[in-house]
Amino acid sequence: MKQAAAKKTTTSTDVIDEEMQRMASVMDARQQFLVSTADMSWRLAITVVVPIVAGVKLDDYFNTSPSLTLLGFMVAAAGGSAVVWRTVKNLNTEQAESSSKSHRSKKTGED
């Protein structure tokens, strides 16, 4: 005789708990994104504005228009790229840590 395979029974509270867990992880990811975006925006503003303004002011002072402004623009472009790269890298790291925490808690049955 064949034995019936053991069925995992799910209750309505299990389904609700899973849905609440999913919603909490979505909200956490959304919050991480917003915080990282706000952090990147002020860093990017400073990184771009300061070298360009400094280049314009130095061009006015030394009467070398537009060479130092262009140099400031190049520094701003490199700095802006570095800020975006670092922010994306940090966001990916945070997301991976959050994901691994979530997987560990599911395996152990903890919250």
PDB file of N, CA and C in Angstrom:
ATOM      1  N   MET A   1       0.813  -1.182   0.000  1.00  0.00           N
ATOM      2  CA  MET A   1       0.000   0.000   0.000  1.00  0.00           C
ATOM      3  C   MET A   1       0.859   1.248   0.000  1.00  0.00           C
ATOM      4  N   LYS A   2       0.365   2.206  -0.708  1.00  0.00           N
ATOM      5  CA  LYS A   2       1.074   3.482  -0.745  1.00  0.00           C
ATOM      6  C   LYS A   2       0.556   4.368   0.376  1.00  0.00           C
ATOM      7  N   GLN A   3       1.505   5.042   0.977  1.00  0.00           N
ATOM      8  CA  GLN A   3       1.100   5.973   2.028  1.00  0.00           C
ATOM      9  C   GLN A   3       0.891   7.346   1.405  1.00  0.00           C
ATOM     10  N   ALA A   4      -0.073   8.026   1.926  1.00  0.00           N
ATOM     11  CA  ALA A   4      -0.346   9.377   1.437  1.00  0.00           C
ATOM     12  C   ALA A   4       0.763  10.309   1.916  1.00  0.00           C
ATOM     13  N   ALA A   5       1.184  11.165   1.036  1.00  0.00           N
ATOM     14  CA  ALA A   5       2.232  12.134   1.392  1.00  0.00           C
ATOM     15  C   ALA A   5       1.678  13.102   2.428  1.00  0.00           C
ATOM     16  N   ALA A   6       2.531  13.431   3.364  1.00  0.00           N
ATOM     17  CA  ALA A   6       2.106  14.358   4.415  1.00  0.00           C
ATOM     18  C   ALA A   6       1.900  15.738   3.808  1.00  0.00           C
ATOM     19  N   LYS A   7       0.740  16.281   4.044  1.00  0.00           N
ATOM     20  CA  LYS A   7       0.420  17.602   3.531  1.00  0.00           C
ATOM     21  C   LYS A   7       0.706  18.634   4.598  1.00  0.00           C
ATOM     22  N   LYS A   8       1.291  19.711   4.180  1.00  0.00           N
ATOM     23  CA  LYS A   8       1.515  20.806   5.117  1.00  0.00           C
ATOM     24  C   LYS A   8       0.224  21.611   5.171  1.00  0.00           C
ATOM     25  N   THR A   9      -0.330  21.690   6.337  1.00  0.00           N
ATOM     26  CA  THR A   9      -1.570  22.436   6.467  1.00  0.00           C
ATOM     27  C   THR A   9      -1.250  23.900   6.741  1.00  0.00           C
ATOM     28  N   THR A  10      -1.961  24.752   6.056  1.00  0.00           N
ATOM     29  CA  THR A  10      -1.796  26.181   6.285  1.00  0.00           C
ATOM     30  C   THR A  10      -3.095  26.725   6.835  1.00  0.00           C
ATOM     31  N   THR A  11      -2.947  27.592   7.772  1.00  0.00           N
ATOM     32  CA  THR A  11      -4.124  28.226   8.351  1.00  0.00           C
ATOM     33  C   THR A  11      -4.207  29.645   7.830  1.00  0.00           C
ATOM     34  N   SER A  12      -5.320  30.263   8.084  1.00  0.00           N
ATOM     35  CA  SER A  12      -5.486  31.635   7.608  1.00  0.00           C
ATOM     36  C   SER A  12      -4.504  32.577   8.298  1.00  0.00           C
ATOM     37  N   THR A  13      -4.108  32.271   9.525  1.00  0.00           N
ATOM     38  CA  THR A  13      -3.131  33.136  10.203  1.00  0.00           C
ATOM     39  C   THR A  13      -1.758  33.007   9.562  1.00  0.00           C
ATOM     40  N   ASP A  14      -1.417  31.807   9.044  1.00  0.00           N
ATOM     41  CA  ASP A  14      -0.146  31.649   8.340  1.00  0.00           C
ATOM     42  C   ASP A  14      -0.113  32.512   7.081  1.00  0.00           C
ATOM     43  N   VAL A  15      -1.204  32.512   6.348  1.00  0.00           N
ATOM     44  CA  VAL A  15      -1.284  33.302   5.124  1.00  0.00           C
ATOM     45  C   VAL A  15      -1.200  34.789   5.455  1.00  0.00           C
ATOM     46  N   ILE A  16      -1.892  35.196   6.498  1.00  0.00           N
ATOM     47  CA  ILE A  16      -1.861  36.601   6.911  1.00  0.00           C
ATOM     48  C   ILE A  16      -0.460  36.989   7.372  1.00  0.00           C
ATOM     49  N   ASP A  17       0.194  36.118   8.129  1.00  0.00           N
ATOM     50  CA  ASP A  17       1.558  36.397   8.586  1.00  0.00           C
ATOM     51  C   ASP A  17       2.521  36.543   7.409  1.00  0.00           C
ATOM     52  N   GLU A  18       2.386  35.667   6.421  1.00  0.00           N
ATOM     53  CA  GLU A  18       3.252  35.751   5.247  1.00  0.00           C
ATOM     54  C   GLU A  18       3.018  37.046   4.482  1.00  0.00           C
ATOM     55  N   GLU A  19       1.767  37.435   4.342  1.00  0.00           N
ATOM     56  CA  GLU A  19       1.441  38.674   3.632  1.00  0.00           C
ATOM     57  C   GLU A  19       1.961  39.893   4.393  1.00  0.00           C
ATOM     58  N   MET A  20       1.837  39.878   5.707  1.00  0.00           N
ATOM     59  CA  MET A  20       2.354  40.984   6.525  1.00  0.00           C
ATOM     60  C   MET A  20       3.878  41.053   6.417  1.00  0.00           C
ATOM     61  N   GLN A  21       4.533  39.906   6.403  1.00  0.00           N
ATOM     62  CA  GLN A  21       5.992  39.860   6.261  1.00  0.00           C
ATOM     63  C   GLN A  21       6.413  40.432   4.909  1.00  0.00           C
ATOM     64  N   ARG A  22       5.683  40.071   3.868  1.00  0.00           N
ATOM     65  CA  ARG A  22       5.994  40.578   2.532  1.00  0.00           C
ATOM     66  C   ARG A  22       5.798  42.086   2.463  1.00  0.00           C
ATOM     67  N   MET A  23       4.714  42.572   3.041  1.00  0.00           N
ATOM     68  CA  MET A  23       4.452  44.008   3.033  1.00  0.00           C
ATOM     69  C   MET A  23       5.507  44.767   3.834  1.00  0.00           C
ATOM     70  N   ALA A  24       5.953  44.191   4.941  1.00  0.00           N
ATOM     71  CA  ALA A  24       6.988  44.832   5.750  1.00  0.00           C
ATOM     72  C   ALA A  24       8.302  44.907   4.987  1.00  0.00           C
ATOM     73  N   SER A  25       8.636  43.861   4.246  1.00  0.00           N
ATOM     74  CA  SER A  25       9.887  43.885   3.484  1.00  0.00           C
ATOM     75  C   SER A  25       9.809  44.882   2.331  1.00  0.00           C
ATOM     76  N   VAL A  26       8.644  45.028   1.719  1.00  0.00           N
ATOM     77  CA  VAL A  26       8.468  46.020   0.654  1.00  0.00           C
ATOM     78  C   VAL A  26       8.618  47.427   1.219  1.00  0.00           C
ATOM     79  N   MET A  27       8.014  47.673   2.371  1.00  0.00           N
ATOM     80  CA  MET A  27       8.126  48.991   3.002  1.00  0.00           C
ATOM     81  C   MET A  27       9.563  49.274   3.417  1.00  0.00           C
ATOM     82  N   ASP A  28      10.278  48.268   3.889  1.00  0.00           N
ATOM     83  CA  ASP A  28      11.675  48.438   4.276  1.00  0.00           C
ATOM     84  C   ASP A  28      12.528  48.787   3.063  1.00  0.00           C
ATOM     85  N   ALA A  29      12.306  48.105   1.958  1.00  0.00           N
ATOM     86  CA  ALA A  29      13.061  48.389   0.734  1.00  0.00           C
ATOM     87  C   ALA A  29      12.756  49.792   0.226  1.00  0.00           C
ATOM     88  N   ARG A  30      11.506  50.190   0.311  1.00  0.00           N
ATOM     89  CA  ARG A  30      11.117  51.530  -0.130  1.00  0.00           C
ATOM     90  C   ARG A  30      11.781  52.598   0.740  1.00  0.00           C
ATOM     91  N   GLN A  31      11.811  52.356   2.045  1.00  0.00           N
ATOM     92  CA  GLN A  31      12.439  53.306   2.959  1.00  0.00           C
ATOM     93  C   GLN A  31      13.946  53.394   2.693  1.00  0.00           C
ATOM     94  N   GLN A  32      14.599  52.265   2.472  1.00  0.00           N
ATOM     95  CA  GLN A  32      16.029  52.263   2.147  1.00  0.00           C
ATOM     96  C   GLN A  32      16.297  53.072   0.884  1.00  0.00           C
ATOM     97  N   PHE A  33      15.446  52.911  -0.114  1.00  0.00           N
ATOM     98  CA  PHE A  33      15.623  53.640  -1.364  1.00  0.00           C
ATOM     99  C   PHE A  33      15.472  55.140  -1.154  1.00  0.00           C
ATOM    100  N   LEU A  34      14.450  55.554  -0.409  1.00  0.00           N
ATOM    101  CA  LEU A  34      14.227  56.980  -0.183  1.00  0.00           C
ATOM    102  C   LEU A  34      15.358  57.616   0.618  1.00  0.00           C
ATOM    103  N   VAL A  35      15.838  56.923   1.637  1.00  0.00           N
ATOM    104  CA  VAL A  35      16.942  57.449   2.444  1.00  0.00           C
ATOM    105  C   VAL A  35      18.206  57.559   1.596  1.00  0.00           C
ATOM    106  N   SER A  36      18.487  56.549   0.805  1.00  0.00           N
ATOM    107  CA  SER A  36      19.677  56.579  -0.052  1.00  0.00           C
ATOM    108  C   SER A  36      19.571  57.671  -1.111  1.00  0.00           C
ATOM    109  N   THR A  37      18.383  57.877  -1.652  1.00  0.00           N
ATOM    110  CA  THR A  37      18.185  58.917  -2.655  1.00  0.00           C
ATOM    111  C   THR A  37      18.382  60.301  -2.054  1.00  0.00           C
ATOM    112  N   ALA A  38      17.837  60.528  -0.861  1.00  0.00           N
ATOM    113  CA  ALA A  38      18.017  61.822  -0.199  1.00  0.00           C
ATOM    114  C   ALA A  38      19.485  62.061   0.131  1.00  0.00           C
ATOM    115  N   ASP A  39      20.160  61.034   0.609  1.00  0.00           N
ATOM    116  CA  ASP A  39      21.580  61.154   0.927  1.00  0.00           C
ATOM    117  C   ASP A  39      22.388  61.457  -0.333  1.00  0.00           C
ATOM    118  N   MET A  40      22.082  60.764  -1.414  1.00  0.00           N
ATOM    119  CA  MET A  40      22.811  60.982  -2.657  1.00  0.00           C
ATOM    120  C   MET A  40      22.543  62.375  -3.215  1.00  0.00           C
ATOM    121  N   SER A  41      21.336  62.889  -3.062  1.00  0.00           N
ATOM    122  CA  SER A  41      21.004  64.179  -3.667  1.00  0.00           C
ATOM    123  C   SER A  41      21.820  65.314  -3.069  1.00  0.00           C
ATOM    124  N   TRP A  42      21.969  65.367  -1.749  1.00  0.00           N
ATOM    125  CA  TRP A  42      22.749  66.471  -1.192  1.00  0.00           C
ATOM    126  C   TRP A  42      24.235  66.295  -1.484  1.00  0.00           C
ATOM    127  N   ARG A  43      24.720  65.043  -1.481  1.00  0.00           N
ATOM    128  CA  ARG A  43      26.131  64.814  -1.835  1.00  0.00           C
ATOM    129  C   ARG A  43      26.403  65.210  -3.283  1.00  0.00           C
ATOM    130  N   LEU A  44      25.475  64.856  -4.152  1.00  0.00           N
ATOM    131  CA  LEU A  44      25.629  65.175  -5.565  1.00  0.00           C
ATOM    132  C   LEU A  44      25.585  66.683  -5.790  1.00  0.00           C
ATOM    133  N   ALA A  45      24.689  67.369  -5.093  1.00  0.00           N
ATOM    134  CA  ALA A  45      24.596  68.823  -5.239  1.00  0.00           C
ATOM    135  C   ALA A  45      25.906  69.496  -4.843  1.00  0.00           C
ATOM    136  N   ILE A  46      26.461  69.097  -3.719  1.00  0.00           N
ATOM    137  CA  ILE A  46      27.722  69.694  -3.268  1.00  0.00           C
ATOM    138  C   ILE A  46      28.856  69.340  -4.221  1.00  0.00           C
ATOM    139  N   THR A  47      28.914  68.085  -4.620  1.00  0.00           N
ATOM    140  CA  THR A  47      29.995  67.613  -5.487  1.00  0.00           C
ATOM    141  C   THR A  47      29.978  68.301  -6.847  1.00  0.00           C
ATOM    142  N   VAL A  48      28.811  68.651  -7.345  1.00  0.00           N
ATOM    143  CA  VAL A  48      28.714  69.272  -8.661  1.00  0.00           C
ATOM    144  C   VAL A  48      28.821  70.794  -8.574  1.00  0.00           C
ATOM    145  N   VAL A  49      28.135  71.399  -7.624  1.00  0.00           N
ATOM    146  CA  VAL A  49      28.073  72.861  -7.558  1.00  0.00           C
ATOM    147  C   VAL A  49      29.409  73.482  -7.154  1.00  0.00           C
ATOM    148  N   VAL A  50      30.066  72.943  -6.151  1.00  0.00           N
ATOM    149  CA  VAL A  50      31.292  73.558  -5.623  1.00  0.00           C
ATOM    150  C   VAL A  50      32.394  73.670  -6.686  1.00  0.00           C
ATOM    151  N   PRO A  51      32.757  72.610  -7.407  1.00  0.00           N
ATOM    152  CA  PRO A  51      33.825  72.771  -8.404  1.00  0.00           C
ATOM    153  C   PRO A  51      33.463  73.723  -9.551  1.00  0.00           C
ATOM    154  N   ILE A  52      32.207  73.714  -9.974  1.00  0.00           N
ATOM    155  CA  ILE A  52      31.818  74.595 -11.077  1.00  0.00           C
ATOM    156  C   ILE A  52      31.844  76.054 -10.632  1.00  0.00           C
ATOM    157  N   VAL A  53      31.289  76.345  -9.460  1.00  0.00           N
ATOM    158  CA  VAL A  53      31.303  77.721  -8.950  1.00  0.00           C
ATOM    159  C   VAL A  53      32.739  78.173  -8.700  1.00  0.00           C
ATOM    160  N   ALA A  54      33.553  77.286  -8.147  1.00  0.00           N
ATOM    161  CA  ALA A  54      34.963  77.632  -7.922  1.00  0.00           C
ATOM    162  C   ALA A  54      35.659  77.926  -9.250  1.00  0.00           C
ATOM    163  N   GLY A  55      35.377  77.147 -10.273  1.00  0.00           N
ATOM    164  CA  GLY A  55      35.968  77.388 -11.590  1.00  0.00           C
ATOM    165  C   GLY A  55      35.557  78.726 -12.173  1.00  0.00           C
ATOM    166  N   VAL A  56      34.284  79.082 -12.035  1.00  0.00           N
ATOM    167  CA  VAL A  56      33.799  80.369 -12.542  1.00  0.00           C
ATOM    168  C   VAL A  56      34.472  81.518 -11.797  1.00  0.00           C
ATOM    169  N   LYS A  57      34.532  81.417 -10.468  1.00  0.00           N
ATOM    170  CA  LYS A  57      35.146  82.485  -9.661  1.00  0.00           C
ATOM    171  C   LYS A  57      36.633  82.625  -9.973  1.00  0.00           C
ATOM    172  N   LEU A  58      37.325  81.497 -10.106  1.00  0.00           N
ATOM    173  CA  LEU A  58      38.752  81.558 -10.428  1.00  0.00           C
ATOM    174  C   LEU A  58      38.984  82.109 -11.835  1.00  0.00           C
ATOM    175  N   ASP A  59      38.096  81.779 -12.775  1.00  0.00           N
ATOM    176  CA  ASP A  59      38.196  82.353 -14.118  1.00  0.00           C
ATOM    177  C   ASP A  59      38.032  83.870 -14.073  1.00  0.00           C
ATOM    178  N   ASP A  60      37.089  84.351 -13.278  1.00  0.00           N
ATOM    179  CA  ASP A  60      36.900  85.796 -13.137  1.00  0.00           C
ATOM    180  C   ASP A  60      38.128  86.449 -12.514  1.00  0.00           C
ATOM    181  N   TYR A  61      38.679  85.822 -11.508  1.00  0.00           N
ATOM    182  CA  TYR A  61      39.823  86.397 -10.793  1.00  0.00           C
ATOM    183  C   TYR A  61      41.078  86.422 -11.669  1.00  0.00           C
ATOM    184  N   PHE A  62      41.363  85.311 -12.353  1.00  0.00           N
ATOM    185  CA  PHE A  62      42.571  85.221 -13.177  1.00  0.00           C
ATOM    186  C   PHE A  62      42.341  85.635 -14.635  1.00  0.00           C
ATOM    187  N   ASN A  63      41.102  85.954 -14.985  1.00  0.00           N
ATOM    188  CA  ASN A  63      40.735  86.351 -16.342  1.00  0.00           C
ATOM    189  C   ASN A  63      41.161  85.276 -17.360  1.00  0.00           C
ATOM    190  N   THR A  64      40.786  84.034 -17.062  1.00  0.00           N
ATOM    191  CA  THR A  64      41.155  82.898 -17.917  1.00  0.00           C
ATOM    192  C   THR A  64      39.927  82.154 -18.436  1.00  0.00           C
ATOM    193  N   SER A  65      38.854  82.881 -18.637  1.00  0.00           N
ATOM    194  CA  SER A  65      37.596  82.262 -19.031  1.00  0.00           C
ATOM    195  C   SER A  65      37.763  81.437 -20.303  1.00  0.00           C
ATOM    196  N   PRO A  66      37.246  80.324 -20.483  1.00  0.00           N
ATOM    197  CA  PRO A  66      36.478  79.377 -19.685  1.00  0.00           C
ATOM    198  C   PRO A  66      37.296  78.197 -19.184  1.00  0.00           C
ATOM    199  N   SER A  67      38.606  78.271 -19.203  1.00  0.00           N
ATOM    200  CA  SER A  67      39.424  77.085 -18.921  1.00  0.00           C
ATOM    201  C   SER A  67      39.208  76.519 -17.520  1.00  0.00           C
ATOM    202  N   LEU A  68      39.194  77.345 -16.492  1.00  0.00           N
ATOM    203  CA  LEU A  68      39.017  76.816 -15.135  1.00  0.00           C
ATOM    204  C   LEU A  68      37.569  76.378 -14.881  1.00  0.00           C
ATOM    205  N   THR A  69      36.627  77.003 -15.580  1.00  0.00           N
ATOM    206  CA  THR A  69      35.234  76.555 -15.472  1.00  0.00           C
ATOM    207  C   THR A  69      35.095  75.155 -16.064  1.00  0.00           C
ATOM    208  N   LEU A  70      35.737  74.921 -17.195  1.00  0.00           N
ATOM    209  CA  LEU A  70      35.706  73.583 -17.802  1.00  0.00           C
ATOM    210  C   LEU A  70      36.405  72.556 -16.919  1.00  0.00           C
ATOM    211  N   LEU A  71      37.510  72.965 -16.305  1.00  0.00           N
ATOM    212  CA  LEU A  71      38.195  72.073 -15.371  1.00  0.00           C
ATOM    213  C   LEU A  71      37.277  71.741 -14.186  1.00  0.00           C
ATOM    214  N   GLY A  72      36.590  72.756 -13.676  1.00  0.00           N
ATOM    215  CA  GLY A  72      35.629  72.529 -12.591  1.00  0.00           C
ATOM    216  C   GLY A  72      34.508  71.595 -13.015  1.00  0.00           C
ATOM    217  N   PHE A  73      34.058  71.736 -14.260  1.00  0.00           N
ATOM    218  CA  PHE A  73      33.013  70.853 -14.778  1.00  0.00           C
ATOM    219  C   PHE A  73      33.499  69.412 -14.853  1.00  0.00           C
ATOM    220  N   MET A  74      34.738  69.216 -15.297  1.00  0.00           N
ATOM    221  CA  MET A  74      35.285  67.851 -15.375  1.00  0.00           C
ATOM    222  C   MET A  74      35.435  67.233 -13.982  1.00  0.00           C
ATOM    223  N   VAL A  75      35.893  68.040 -13.031  1.00  0.00           N
ATOM    224  CA  VAL A  75      36.001  67.550 -11.650  1.00  0.00           C
ATOM    225  C   VAL A  75      34.614  67.208 -11.117  1.00  0.00           C
ATOM    226  N   ALA A  76      33.616  68.053 -11.430  1.00  0.00           N
ATOM    227  CA  ALA A  76      32.244  67.807 -10.981  1.00  0.00           C
ATOM    228  C   ALA A  76      31.684  66.521 -11.590  1.00  0.00           C
ATOM    229  N   ALA A  77      31.967  66.282 -12.864  1.00  0.00           N
ATOM    230  CA  ALA A  77      31.477  65.064 -13.521  1.00  0.00           C
ATOM    231  C   ALA A  77      32.097  63.821 -12.893  1.00  0.00           C
ATOM    232  N   ALA A  78      33.398  63.872 -12.634  1.00  0.00           N
ATOM    233  CA  ALA A  78      34.063  62.721 -12.004  1.00  0.00           C
ATOM    234  C   ALA A  78      33.548  62.511 -10.584  1.00  0.00           C
ATOM    235  N   GLY A  79      33.414  63.590  -9.837  1.00  0.00           N
ATOM    236  CA  GLY A  79      32.909  63.481  -8.464  1.00  0.00           C
ATOM    237  C   GLY A  79      31.472  62.999  -8.418  1.00  0.00           C
ATOM    238  N   GLY A  80      30.643  63.497  -9.331  1.00  0.00           N
ATOM    239  CA  GLY A  80      29.251  63.055  -9.395  1.00  0.00           C
ATOM    240  C   GLY A  80      29.133  61.579  -9.718  1.00  0.00           C
ATOM    241  N   SER A  81      29.966  61.119 -10.633  1.00  0.00           N
ATOM    242  CA  SER A  81      29.968  59.690 -10.966  1.00  0.00           C
ATOM    243  C   SER A  81      30.374  58.846  -9.764  1.00  0.00           C
ATOM    244  N   ALA A  82      31.369  59.325  -9.021  1.00  0.00           N
ATOM    245  CA  ALA A  82      31.813  58.592  -7.829  1.00  0.00           C
ATOM    246  C   ALA A  82      30.718  58.541  -6.768  1.00  0.00           C
ATOM    247  N   VAL A  83      29.980  59.639  -6.600  1.00  0.00           N
ATOM    248  CA  VAL A  83      28.893  59.666  -5.615  1.00  0.00           C
ATOM    249  C   VAL A  83      27.797  58.679  -6.001  1.00  0.00           C
ATOM    250  N   VAL A  84      27.408  58.673  -7.257  1.00  0.00           N
ATOM    251  CA  VAL A  84      26.360  57.749  -7.710  1.00  0.00           C
ATOM    252  C   VAL A  84      26.832  56.309  -7.558  1.00  0.00           C
ATOM    253  N   TRP A  85      28.061  56.018  -7.946  1.00  0.00           N
ATOM    254  CA  TRP A  85      28.614  54.663  -7.837  1.00  0.00           C
ATOM    255  C   TRP A  85      28.605  54.197  -6.386  1.00  0.00           C
ATOM    256  N   ARG A  86      29.080  55.051  -5.477  1.00  0.00           N
ATOM    257  CA  ARG A  86      29.153  54.684  -4.066  1.00  0.00           C
ATOM    258  C   ARG A  86      27.759  54.466  -3.474  1.00  0.00           C
ATOM    259  N   THR A  87      26.802  55.305  -3.863  1.00  0.00           N
ATOM    260  CA  THR A  87      25.444  55.163  -3.343  1.00  0.00           C
ATOM    261  C   THR A  87      24.805  53.862  -3.819  1.00  0.00           C
ATOM    262  N   VAL A  88      24.966  53.530  -5.085  1.00  0.00           N
ATOM    263  CA  VAL A  88      24.404  52.280  -5.616  1.00  0.00           C
ATOM    264  C   VAL A  88      25.061  51.080  -4.944  1.00  0.00           C
ATOM    265  N   LYS A  89      26.365  51.147  -4.753  1.00  0.00           N
ATOM    266  CA  LYS A  89      27.089  50.059  -4.094  1.00  0.00           C
ATOM    267  C   LYS A  89      26.595  49.865  -2.660  1.00  0.00           C
ATOM    268  N   ASN A  90      26.429  50.972  -1.915  1.00  0.00           N
ATOM    269  CA  ASN A  90      25.931  50.878  -0.541  1.00  0.00           C
ATOM    270  C   ASN A  90      24.500  50.351  -0.497  1.00  0.00           C
ATOM    271  N   LEU A  91      23.668  50.799  -1.418  1.00  0.00           N
ATOM    272  CA  LEU A  91      22.280  50.340  -1.463  1.00  0.00           C
ATOM    273  C   LEU A  91      22.205  48.847  -1.762  1.00  0.00           C
ATOM    274  N   ASN A  92      23.026  48.368  -2.678  1.00  0.00           N
ATOM    275  CA  ASN A  92      23.059  46.931  -2.980  1.00  0.00           C
ATOM    276  C   ASN A  92      23.526  46.123  -1.778  1.00  0.00           C
ATOM    277  N   THR A  93      24.526  46.632  -1.053  1.00  0.00           N
ATOM    278  CA  THR A  93      25.019  45.942   0.136  1.00  0.00           C
ATOM    279  C   THR A  93      23.937  45.869   1.208  1.00  0.00           C
ATOM    280  N   GLU A  94      23.257  46.998   1.453  1.00  0.00           N
ATOM    281  CA  GLU A  94      22.185  47.016   2.450  1.00  0.00           C
ATOM    282  C   GLU A  94      21.057  46.074   2.062  1.00  0.00           C
ATOM    283  N   GLN A  95      20.717  46.052   0.786  1.00  0.00           N
ATOM    284  CA  GLN A  95      19.639  45.181   0.318  1.00  0.00           C
ATOM    285  C   GLN A  95      20.016  43.712   0.474  1.00  0.00           C
ATOM    286  N   ALA A  96      21.267  43.372   0.190  1.00  0.00           N
ATOM    287  CA  ALA A  96      21.717  41.985   0.338  1.00  0.00           C
ATOM    288  C   ALA A  96      21.696  41.566   1.805  1.00  0.00           C
ATOM    289  N   GLU A  97      22.123  42.459   2.702  1.00  0.00           N
ATOM    290  CA  GLU A  97      22.093  42.145   4.132  1.00  0.00           C
ATOM    291  C   GLU A  97      20.661  41.965   4.616  1.00  0.00           C
ATOM    292  N   SER A  98      19.778  42.839   4.166  1.00  0.00           N
ATOM    293  CA  SER A  98      18.372  42.744   4.552  1.00  0.00           C
ATOM    294  C   SER A  98      17.751  41.453   4.027  1.00  0.00           C
ATOM    295  N   SER A  99      18.096  41.098   2.813  1.00  0.00           N
ATOM    296  CA  SER A  99      17.568  39.874   2.211  1.00  0.00           C
ATOM    297  C   SER A  99      18.070  38.636   2.942  1.00  0.00           C
ATOM    298  N   SER A 100      19.345  38.628   3.310  1.00  0.00           N
ATOM    299  CA  SER A 100      19.885  37.460   4.015  1.00  0.00           C
ATOM    300  C   SER A 100      19.285  37.339   5.410  1.00  0.00           C
ATOM    301  N   LYS A 101      19.007  38.457   6.068  1.00  0.00           N
ATOM    302  CA  LYS A 101      18.331  38.419   7.371  1.00  0.00           C
ATOM    303  C   LYS A 101      16.942  37.819   7.218  1.00  0.00           C
ATOM    304  N   SER A 102      16.253  38.236   6.166  1.00  0.00           N
ATOM    305  CA  SER A 102      14.899  37.751   5.918  1.00  0.00           C
ATOM    306  C   SER A 102      14.894  36.246   5.668  1.00  0.00           C
ATOM    307  N   HIS A 103      15.850  35.767   4.887  1.00  0.00           N
ATOM    308  CA  HIS A 103      15.916  34.332   4.589  1.00  0.00           C
ATOM    309  C   HIS A 103      16.262  33.528   5.832  1.00  0.00           C
ATOM    310  N   ARG A 104      17.153  34.061   6.672  1.00  0.00           N
ATOM    311  CA  ARG A 104      17.516  33.340   7.896  1.00  0.00           C
ATOM    312  C   ARG A 104      16.334  33.249   8.851  1.00  0.00           C
ATOM    313  N   SER A 105      15.561  34.343   8.965  1.00  0.00           N
ATOM    314  CA  SER A 105      14.433  34.310   9.892  1.00  0.00           C
ATOM    315  C   SER A 105      13.339  33.369   9.391  1.00  0.00           C
ATOM    316  N   LYS A 106      13.189  33.229   8.078  1.00  0.00           N
ATOM    317  CA  LYS A 106      12.201  32.293   7.539  1.00  0.00           C
ATOM    318  C   LYS A 106      12.615  30.854   7.814  1.00  0.00           C
ATOM    319  N   LYS A 107      13.921  30.566   7.706  1.00  0.00           N
ATOM    320  CA  LYS A 107      14.399  29.202   7.931  1.00  0.00           C
ATOM    321  C   LYS A 107      14.259  28.793   9.387  1.00  0.00           C
ATOM    322  N   THR A 108      14.511  29.730  10.302  1.00  0.00           N
ATOM    323  CA  THR A 108      14.443  29.398  11.722  1.00  0.00           C
ATOM    324  C   THR A 108      13.045  29.565  12.284  1.00  0.00           C
ATOM    325  N   GLY A 109      12.177  30.230  11.520  1.00  0.00           N
ATOM    326  CA  GLY A 109      10.813  30.417  11.985  1.00  0.00           C
ATOM    327  C   GLY A 109      10.659  31.602  12.913  1.00  0.00           C
ATOM    328  N   GLU A 110      11.681  32.469  12.962  1.00  0.00           N
ATOM    329  CA  GLU A 110      11.616  33.650  13.813  1.00  0.00           C
ATOM    330  C   GLU A 110      11.197  34.836  12.985  1.00  0.00           C
ATOM    331  N   ASP A 111      10.847  35.947  13.674  1.00  0.00           N
ATOM    332  CA  ASP A 111      10.530  37.204  12.992  1.00  0.00           C
ATOM    333  C   ASP A 111      11.747  38.038  12.816  1.00  0.00           C
TER     334      ASP A 111
END
